[in-house]
Amino acid sequence: MEIARHWRGRAARYRLEGQRSRSSGAVRFPPQPTALGEAADAWEPVALSGRGEIYSFSVLRQVPDGYEGMAPYPIAMVRLVEGPLVTAQLTDCAEGDLSIGLPVEMVTRKLVDTGEDGVLVYGYKFRPVVS
């Protein structure tokens, strides 16, 4: 991963920062550049709560290169309380504990170790809400 690209995405990756439309109040994640013909200030940054529920999930057993040491691992589409769907890895849970509608919360965890250049990349994952 390019360090500069990682740095530009840090607000979304570490704080789960999205955008809210100034006109409609709609929330989106991840943040996106201003669309052609759209006012430069049409969207404002918004800190998302990091809370939601599992909308859909799967367990990856054949994983992408570089993630073999984590296999198998669950991923999910999480519907945040603010509305957006976020795809993320699930952590701190067993496969048998997962279900649609399960309340989850965002946590920061290591995503990848880039190896030679020594960069550890952290980001968001979700775990079941512990009462």
C-alpha atoms as a PDB file:
ATOM      1  CA  MET A   1       0.000   0.000   0.000  1.00  0.00           C
ATOM      2  CA  GLU A   2       1.255   3.464  -0.819  1.00  0.00           C
ATOM      3  CA  ILE A   3       1.983   5.416   2.347  1.00  0.00           C
ATOM      4  CA  ALA A   4       0.611   8.662   0.838  1.00  0.00           C
ATOM      5  CA  ARG A   5      -2.676   6.988  -0.147  1.00  0.00           C
ATOM      6  CA  HIS A   6      -2.952   5.446   3.303  1.00  0.00           C
ATOM      7  CA  TRP A   7      -2.367   8.856   4.911  1.00  0.00           C
ATOM      8  CA  ARG A   8      -5.085  10.527   2.808  1.00  0.00           C
ATOM      9  CA  GLY A   9      -7.630   7.911   3.921  1.00  0.00           C
ATOM     10  CA  ARG A  10      -6.808   8.048   7.611  1.00  0.00           C
ATOM     11  CA  ALA A  11      -9.994   9.893   8.704  1.00  0.00           C
ATOM     12  CA  ALA A  12     -12.233   7.218   7.191  1.00  0.00           C
ATOM     13  CA  ARG A  13      -9.993   4.360   8.288  1.00  0.00           C
ATOM     14  CA  TYR A  14      -9.338   5.386  11.908  1.00  0.00           C
ATOM     15  CA  ARG A  15     -12.304   7.558  12.868  1.00  0.00           C
ATOM     16  CA  LEU A  16     -14.937   6.122  10.510  1.00  0.00           C
ATOM     17  CA  GLU A  17     -15.500   9.595   9.116  1.00  0.00           C
ATOM     18  CA  GLY A  18     -18.091   9.876   6.357  1.00  0.00           C
ATOM     19  CA  GLN A  19     -19.901  12.754   4.698  1.00  0.00           C
ATOM     20  CA  ARG A  20     -23.342  14.325   5.154  1.00  0.00           C
ATOM     21  CA  SER A  21     -25.172  16.176   2.396  1.00  0.00           C
ATOM     22  CA  ARG A  22     -25.804  19.770   3.433  1.00  0.00           C
ATOM     23  CA  SER A  23     -29.039  19.826   1.422  1.00  0.00           C
ATOM     24  CA  SER A  24     -30.664  16.442   2.089  1.00  0.00           C
ATOM     25  CA  GLY A  25     -28.912  15.181   5.223  1.00  0.00           C
ATOM     26  CA  ALA A  26     -28.008  11.906   3.476  1.00  0.00           C
ATOM     27  CA  VAL A  27     -24.923  10.198   4.872  1.00  0.00           C
ATOM     28  CA  ARG A  28     -22.350   8.334   2.782  1.00  0.00           C
ATOM     29  CA  PHE A  29     -19.248   6.318   3.489  1.00  0.00           C
ATOM     30  CA  PRO A  30     -16.479   6.314   2.477  1.00  0.00           C
ATOM     31  CA  PRO A  31     -15.996  10.017   1.712  1.00  0.00           C
ATOM     32  CA  GLN A  32     -15.964  10.818  -1.982  1.00  0.00           C
ATOM     33  CA  PRO A  33     -14.691  13.735  -4.046  1.00  0.00           C
ATOM     34  CA  THR A  34     -17.114  16.394  -5.180  1.00  0.00           C
ATOM     35  CA  ALA A  35     -19.068  15.249  -8.240  1.00  0.00           C
ATOM     36  CA  LEU A  36     -18.977  17.145 -11.515  1.00  0.00           C
ATOM     37  CA  GLY A  37     -21.451  20.048 -11.327  1.00  0.00           C
ATOM     38  CA  GLU A  38     -21.816  19.738  -7.553  1.00  0.00           C
ATOM     39  CA  ALA A  39     -21.052  22.656  -5.223  1.00  0.00           C
ATOM     40  CA  ALA A  40     -17.652  22.309  -3.547  1.00  0.00           C
ATOM     41  CA  ASP A  41     -19.279  22.466  -0.098  1.00  0.00           C
ATOM     42  CA  ALA A  42     -22.260  20.185  -0.886  1.00  0.00           C
ATOM     43  CA  TRP A  43     -20.962  17.561   1.552  1.00  0.00           C
ATOM     44  CA  GLU A  44     -19.537  18.069   5.041  1.00  0.00           C
ATOM     45  CA  PRO A  45     -17.446  15.642   7.113  1.00  0.00           C
ATOM     46  CA  VAL A  46     -19.390  13.685   9.740  1.00  0.00           C
ATOM     47  CA  ALA A  47     -18.078  11.336  12.422  1.00  0.00           C
ATOM     48  CA  LEU A  48     -20.010   8.081  12.277  1.00  0.00           C
ATOM     49  CA  SER A  49     -20.881   6.270  15.498  1.00  0.00           C
ATOM     50  CA  GLY A  50     -19.294   2.971  14.475  1.00  0.00           C
ATOM     51  CA  ARG A  51     -22.404   1.120  15.636  1.00  0.00           C
ATOM     52  CA  GLY A  52     -24.670  -0.948  13.469  1.00  0.00           C
ATOM     53  CA  GLU A  53     -25.833  -4.462  12.732  1.00  0.00           C
ATOM     54  CA  ILE A  54     -24.833  -7.256  10.414  1.00  0.00           C
ATOM     55  CA  TYR A  55     -26.764  -6.929   7.152  1.00  0.00           C
ATOM     56  CA  SER A  56     -25.044  -9.909   5.494  1.00  0.00           C
ATOM     57  CA  PHE A  57     -21.915 -11.954   6.152  1.00  0.00           C
ATOM     58  CA  SER A  58     -19.678 -14.700   4.823  1.00  0.00           C
ATOM     59  CA  VAL A  59     -16.633 -16.595   6.006  1.00  0.00           C
ATOM     60  CA  LEU A  60     -13.624 -16.467   3.687  1.00  0.00           C
ATOM     61  CA  ARG A  61     -11.714 -19.715   3.490  1.00  0.00           C
ATOM     62  CA  GLN A  62      -9.828 -18.988   0.262  1.00  0.00           C
ATOM     63  CA  VAL A  63      -8.344 -15.595   0.974  1.00  0.00           C
ATOM     64  CA  PRO A  64      -6.435 -12.995  -1.055  1.00  0.00           C
ATOM     65  CA  ASP A  65      -2.634 -13.101  -1.180  1.00  0.00           C
ATOM     66  CA  GLY A  66      -1.122 -11.742   1.995  1.00  0.00           C
ATOM     67  CA  TYR A  67      -4.018 -12.785   4.233  1.00  0.00           C
ATOM     68  CA  GLU A  68      -3.359 -16.522   4.399  1.00  0.00           C
ATOM     69  CA  GLY A  69      -2.368 -16.314   8.065  1.00  0.00           C
ATOM     70  CA  MET A  70      -5.827 -15.014   8.989  1.00  0.00           C
ATOM     71  CA  ALA A  71      -7.885 -17.655   7.159  1.00  0.00           C
ATOM     72  CA  PRO A  72     -10.620 -18.471   7.676  1.00  0.00           C
ATOM     73  CA  TYR A  73     -12.093 -15.117   8.652  1.00  0.00           C
ATOM     74  CA  PRO A  74     -15.567 -13.559   8.540  1.00  0.00           C
ATOM     75  CA  ILE A  75     -16.464 -10.455   6.583  1.00  0.00           C
ATOM     76  CA  ALA A  76     -19.759  -8.610   6.714  1.00  0.00           C
ATOM     77  CA  MET A  77     -21.811  -5.843   5.269  1.00  0.00           C
ATOM     78  CA  VAL A  78     -22.673  -3.724   8.295  1.00  0.00           C
ATOM     79  CA  ARG A  79     -25.622  -1.316   8.214  1.00  0.00           C
ATOM     80  CA  LEU A  80     -24.508   1.627  10.337  1.00  0.00           C
ATOM     81  CA  VAL A  81     -27.114   3.379  12.501  1.00  0.00           C
ATOM     82  CA  GLU A  82     -26.566   6.439  10.272  1.00  0.00           C
ATOM     83  CA  GLY A  83     -27.600   4.403   7.211  1.00  0.00           C
ATOM     84  CA  PRO A  84     -24.571   3.534   5.037  1.00  0.00           C
ATOM     85  CA  LEU A  85     -23.544  -0.065   4.388  1.00  0.00           C
ATOM     86  CA  VAL A  86     -19.888  -0.750   5.194  1.00  0.00           C
ATOM     87  CA  THR A  87     -18.001  -3.893   4.183  1.00  0.00           C
ATOM     88  CA  ALA A  88     -15.476  -4.970   6.789  1.00  0.00           C
ATOM     89  CA  GLN A  89     -13.785  -7.895   8.443  1.00  0.00           C
ATOM     90  CA  LEU A  90     -15.347  -9.146  11.680  1.00  0.00           C
ATOM     91  CA  THR A  91     -13.146  -9.827  14.694  1.00  0.00           C
ATOM     92  CA  ASP A  92     -13.385 -11.090  18.274  1.00  0.00           C
ATOM     93  CA  CYS A  93     -16.092 -13.616  17.402  1.00  0.00           C
ATOM     94  CA  ALA A  94     -16.649 -17.233  16.454  1.00  0.00           C
ATOM     95  CA  GLU A  95     -18.278 -18.197  13.167  1.00  0.00           C
ATOM     96  CA  GLY A  96     -21.169 -19.872  15.017  1.00  0.00           C
ATOM     97  CA  ASP A  97     -21.986 -16.649  16.881  1.00  0.00           C
ATOM     98  CA  LEU A  98     -22.718 -14.657  13.717  1.00  0.00           C
ATOM     99  CA  SER A  99     -26.221 -13.870  12.515  1.00  0.00           C
ATOM    100  CA  ILE A 100     -28.063 -11.299  10.423  1.00  0.00           C
ATOM    101  CA  GLY A 101     -29.123  -8.422  12.683  1.00  0.00           C
ATOM    102  CA  LEU A 102     -26.361  -9.004  15.251  1.00  0.00           C
ATOM    103  CA  PRO A 103     -25.385  -5.640  16.817  1.00  0.00           C
ATOM    104  CA  VAL A 104     -21.745  -4.753  16.110  1.00  0.00           C
ATOM    105  CA  GLU A 105     -19.332  -1.918  16.852  1.00  0.00           C
ATOM    106  CA  MET A 106     -16.245  -0.620  15.107  1.00  0.00           C
ATOM    107  CA  VAL A 107     -12.805  -1.331  16.539  1.00  0.00           C
ATOM    108  CA  THR A 108      -9.356  -0.429  15.251  1.00  0.00           C
ATOM    109  CA  ARG A 109      -7.175  -3.416  14.405  1.00  0.00           C
ATOM    110  CA  LYS A 110      -4.105  -4.235  12.325  1.00  0.00           C
ATOM    111  CA  LEU A 111      -5.072  -4.852   8.703  1.00  0.00           C
ATOM    112  CA  VAL A 112      -1.747  -5.707   7.124  1.00  0.00           C
ATOM    113  CA  ASP A 113       2.017  -5.625   7.613  1.00  0.00           C
ATOM    114  CA  THR A 114       3.590  -4.412   4.368  1.00  0.00           C
ATOM    115  CA  GLY A 115       6.781  -6.317   5.152  1.00  0.00           C
ATOM    116  CA  GLU A 116       9.933  -4.878   3.647  1.00  0.00           C
ATOM    117  CA  ASP A 117       9.163  -1.210   4.247  1.00  0.00           C
ATOM    118  CA  GLY A 118       7.993  -1.944   7.808  1.00  0.00           C
ATOM    119  CA  VAL A 119       4.622  -0.196   7.580  1.00  0.00           C
ATOM    120  CA  LEU A 120       1.856  -1.618   9.756  1.00  0.00           C
ATOM    121  CA  VAL A 121      -1.537  -0.588   8.393  1.00  0.00           C
ATOM    122  CA  TYR A 122      -4.365  -0.286  10.905  1.00  0.00           C
ATOM    123  CA  GLY A 123      -8.012   0.295  10.139  1.00  0.00           C
ATOM    124  CA  TYR A 124     -11.559  -0.515  11.114  1.00  0.00           C
ATOM    125  CA  LYS A 125     -13.063  -3.916  11.736  1.00  0.00           C
ATOM    126  CA  PHE A 126     -16.291  -4.731  13.530  1.00  0.00           C
ATOM    127  CA  ARG A 127     -16.983  -6.966  16.529  1.00  0.00           C
ATOM    128  CA  PRO A 128     -20.179  -8.048  18.256  1.00  0.00           C
ATOM    129  CA  VAL A 129     -21.377  -5.572  20.880  1.00  0.00           C
ATOM    130  CA  VAL A 130     -20.515  -6.886  24.327  1.00  0.00           C
ATOM    131  CA  SER A 131     -23.203  -6.098  26.884  1.00  0.00           C
END
